[in-house]
């Protein structure tokens, strides 16, 4: 599915060539390796030998192709040349396709974000916790993760 979207669909829509498709797949691989991914656009552009603007463009094309979900702080615009605060794969199946043993915490957060967005909710990146939805802070905790850093919040 990833190859079809990147090599065929985006190649046709966005004019990707073989080299570009390879770099976009490498970008997906870097995101899959990270737990969760807080992008450093300058480092990505150097690592992939792309301009910063190209990295932003590819991130938002992958989001439009439903391979990625991005989170930005509430009130922050969604310009294609603006860095998202966090980047997630669109769903957990992609994590298992791109990495042999994805991080369990990242899988949990990816699943929760996927479900919130598919329910039509507007989700943003909070100052504390994992997700912010309509005045509610959500912390996705696991077996070894404490919620003490969000207990003081009202909602």
Protein backbone atom coordinates (compact mmCIF):
# COMPACT_ATOMS: atom_id res chain seq x y z
CA UNK A 1 0.00 0.00 0.00
CA UNK A 2 2.82 2.41 0.93
CA UNK A 3 4.66 1.72 -2.33
CA UNK A 4 1.49 2.18 -4.38
CA UNK A 5 0.66 5.49 -2.73
CA UNK A 6 4.21 6.91 -2.94
CA UNK A 7 5.37 5.45 -6.26
CA UNK A 8 2.12 5.66 -8.21
CA UNK A 9 -0.46 7.99 -6.65
CA UNK A 10 1.88 10.74 -5.40
CA UNK A 11 4.15 10.27 -8.41
CA UNK A 12 1.19 11.11 -10.64
CA UNK A 13 -0.37 13.84 -8.47
CA UNK A 14 2.81 15.56 -7.24
CA UNK A 15 5.16 14.64 -10.08
CA UNK A 16 7.50 12.45 -8.05
CA UNK A 17 10.34 10.75 -9.85
CA UNK A 18 12.05 7.56 -8.66
CA UNK A 19 14.60 9.47 -6.56
CA UNK A 20 11.92 11.55 -4.88
CA UNK A 21 9.81 8.48 -4.10
CA UNK A 22 12.84 6.86 -2.47
CA UNK A 23 13.46 9.93 -0.29
CA UNK A 24 9.78 10.10 0.72
CA UNK A 25 9.89 6.42 1.76
CA UNK A 26 13.05 7.15 3.77
CA UNK A 27 11.16 9.99 5.48
CA UNK A 28 8.40 7.54 6.41
CA UNK A 29 11.03 5.15 7.76
CA UNK A 30 12.56 7.85 9.96
CA UNK A 31 9.12 8.70 11.33
CA UNK A 32 8.39 5.02 12.02
CA UNK A 33 11.66 4.70 13.97
CA UNK A 34 10.90 7.66 16.22
CA UNK A 35 8.88 7.49 19.41
CA UNK A 36 6.76 9.69 18.78
CA UNK A 37 8.25 11.92 16.13
CA UNK A 38 8.93 15.56 17.02
CA UNK A 39 10.32 16.79 13.74
CA UNK A 40 13.61 18.62 13.33
CA UNK A 41 13.11 19.84 9.77
CA UNK A 42 16.69 21.08 9.33
CA UNK A 43 18.13 17.68 10.37
CA UNK A 44 15.66 15.84 8.13
CA UNK A 45 16.49 18.02 5.15
CA UNK A 46 20.23 17.39 5.64
CA UNK A 47 19.76 13.64 6.17
CA UNK A 48 17.56 13.27 3.08
CA UNK A 49 19.46 15.84 0.99
CA UNK A 50 16.33 17.93 0.45
CA UNK A 51 15.41 21.54 0.99
CA UNK A 52 13.44 22.42 4.11
CA UNK A 53 10.49 23.46 1.93
CA UNK A 54 10.54 20.05 0.20
CA UNK A 55 10.46 18.24 3.57
CA UNK A 56 7.44 20.31 4.65
CA UNK A 57 5.77 19.68 1.31
CA UNK A 58 6.34 15.90 1.53
CA UNK A 59 5.04 15.74 5.10
CA UNK A 60 1.79 17.44 4.12
CA UNK A 61 1.46 15.37 0.93
CA UNK A 62 1.84 12.21 3.02
CA UNK A 63 -0.78 13.58 5.40
CA UNK A 64 -3.16 14.26 2.50
CA UNK A 65 -2.47 10.72 1.24
CA UNK A 66 -3.47 9.44 4.71
CA UNK A 67 -0.10 7.95 5.54
CA UNK A 68 0.61 10.48 8.32
CA UNK A 69 -1.25 12.43 10.98
CA UNK A 70 0.19 15.68 12.29
CA UNK A 71 -0.47 17.52 15.53
CA UNK A 72 -0.02 21.24 16.06
CA UNK A 73 -0.68 23.41 19.09
CA UNK A 74 -4.17 24.87 19.40
CA UNK A 75 -4.50 28.14 17.55
CA UNK A 76 -1.50 27.42 15.35
CA UNK A 77 -2.20 27.60 11.65
CA UNK A 78 -1.89 24.64 9.33
CA UNK A 79 0.30 26.18 6.66
CA UNK A 80 2.22 23.64 4.61
CA UNK A 81 5.41 25.52 5.48
CA UNK A 82 4.82 25.35 9.22
CA UNK A 83 6.38 22.65 11.36
CA UNK A 84 3.91 20.35 13.10
CA UNK A 85 4.64 19.71 16.79
CA UNK A 86 4.35 15.93 16.38
CA UNK A 87 4.03 13.53 13.48
CA UNK A 88 2.42 10.10 13.71
CA UNK A 89 1.88 7.38 11.17
CA UNK A 90 -1.79 7.41 10.19
CA UNK A 91 -2.52 4.01 11.70
CA UNK A 92 -0.81 1.25 13.64
CA UNK A 93 -0.64 -1.15 10.67
CA UNK A 94 1.78 1.22 8.96
CA UNK A 95 4.09 1.07 11.99
CA UNK A 96 4.24 -2.73 11.78
CA UNK A 97 4.82 -2.55 8.01
CA UNK A 98 7.74 -0.15 8.40
CA UNK A 99 9.37 -1.50 11.55
CA UNK A 100 9.72 -5.04 12.88
CA UNK A 101 8.99 -4.18 16.53
CA UNK A 102 7.44 -0.72 16.88
CA UNK A 103 7.41 0.95 20.28
CA UNK A 104 4.30 0.01 22.29
CA UNK A 105 3.78 3.54 23.61
CA UNK A 106 3.93 4.96 20.10
CA UNK A 107 1.43 2.32 18.93
CA UNK A 108 -0.96 3.32 21.75
CA UNK A 109 -0.72 7.02 20.91
CA UNK A 110 -1.05 6.36 17.16
CA UNK A 111 -4.18 4.28 17.77
CA UNK A 112 -5.82 6.86 20.04
CA UNK A 113 -5.08 9.74 17.65
CA UNK A 114 -6.37 7.73 14.70
CA UNK A 115 -9.64 6.99 16.51
CA UNK A 116 -10.12 10.59 17.68
CA UNK A 117 -9.55 11.97 14.18
CA UNK A 118 -11.78 9.34 12.56
CA UNK A 119 -14.51 10.32 15.03
CA UNK A 120 -14.31 13.81 13.54
CA UNK A 121 -12.81 15.49 16.61
CA UNK A 122 -10.40 18.39 16.38
CA UNK A 123 -7.22 17.29 18.16
CA UNK A 124 -4.30 19.57 18.99
CA UNK A 125 -0.94 19.30 20.74
CA UNK A 126 -1.20 20.31 24.43
CA UNK A 127 1.39 21.93 26.65
CA UNK A 128 1.00 18.92 28.96
CA UNK A 129 -0.26 15.43 28.14
CA UNK A 130 -0.57 13.77 24.75
CA UNK A 131 -3.67 15.26 23.10
CA UNK A 132 -6.01 18.22 23.63
CA UNK A 133 -9.64 17.91 22.54
CA UNK A 134 -12.29 20.56 23.29
CA UNK A 135 -10.90 21.58 26.69
CA UNK A 136 -9.94 18.03 27.65
CA UNK A 137 -6.33 16.89 28.03
CA UNK A 138 -5.75 13.23 27.19
CA UNK A 139 -2.77 11.28 28.48
CA UNK A 140 -2.24 7.88 26.88
CA UNK A 141 -0.58 5.94 29.68
CA UNK A 142 0.96 2.51 29.54
CA UNK A 143 2.06 -0.01 32.10
CA UNK A 144 5.25 1.93 33.00
CA UNK A 145 4.01 5.47 32.31
CA UNK A 146 2.97 7.73 35.15
CA UNK A 147 0.15 10.27 34.83
CA UNK A 148 1.50 12.42 37.65
CA UNK A 149 2.47 15.21 35.25
CA UNK A 150 -1.18 15.79 34.25
CA UNK A 151 -2.97 15.10 37.55
CA UNK A 152 -2.97 18.78 38.47
CA UNK A 153 -5.03 19.66 35.36
CA UNK A 154 -8.77 20.26 35.77
CA UNK A 155 -9.87 18.29 32.72
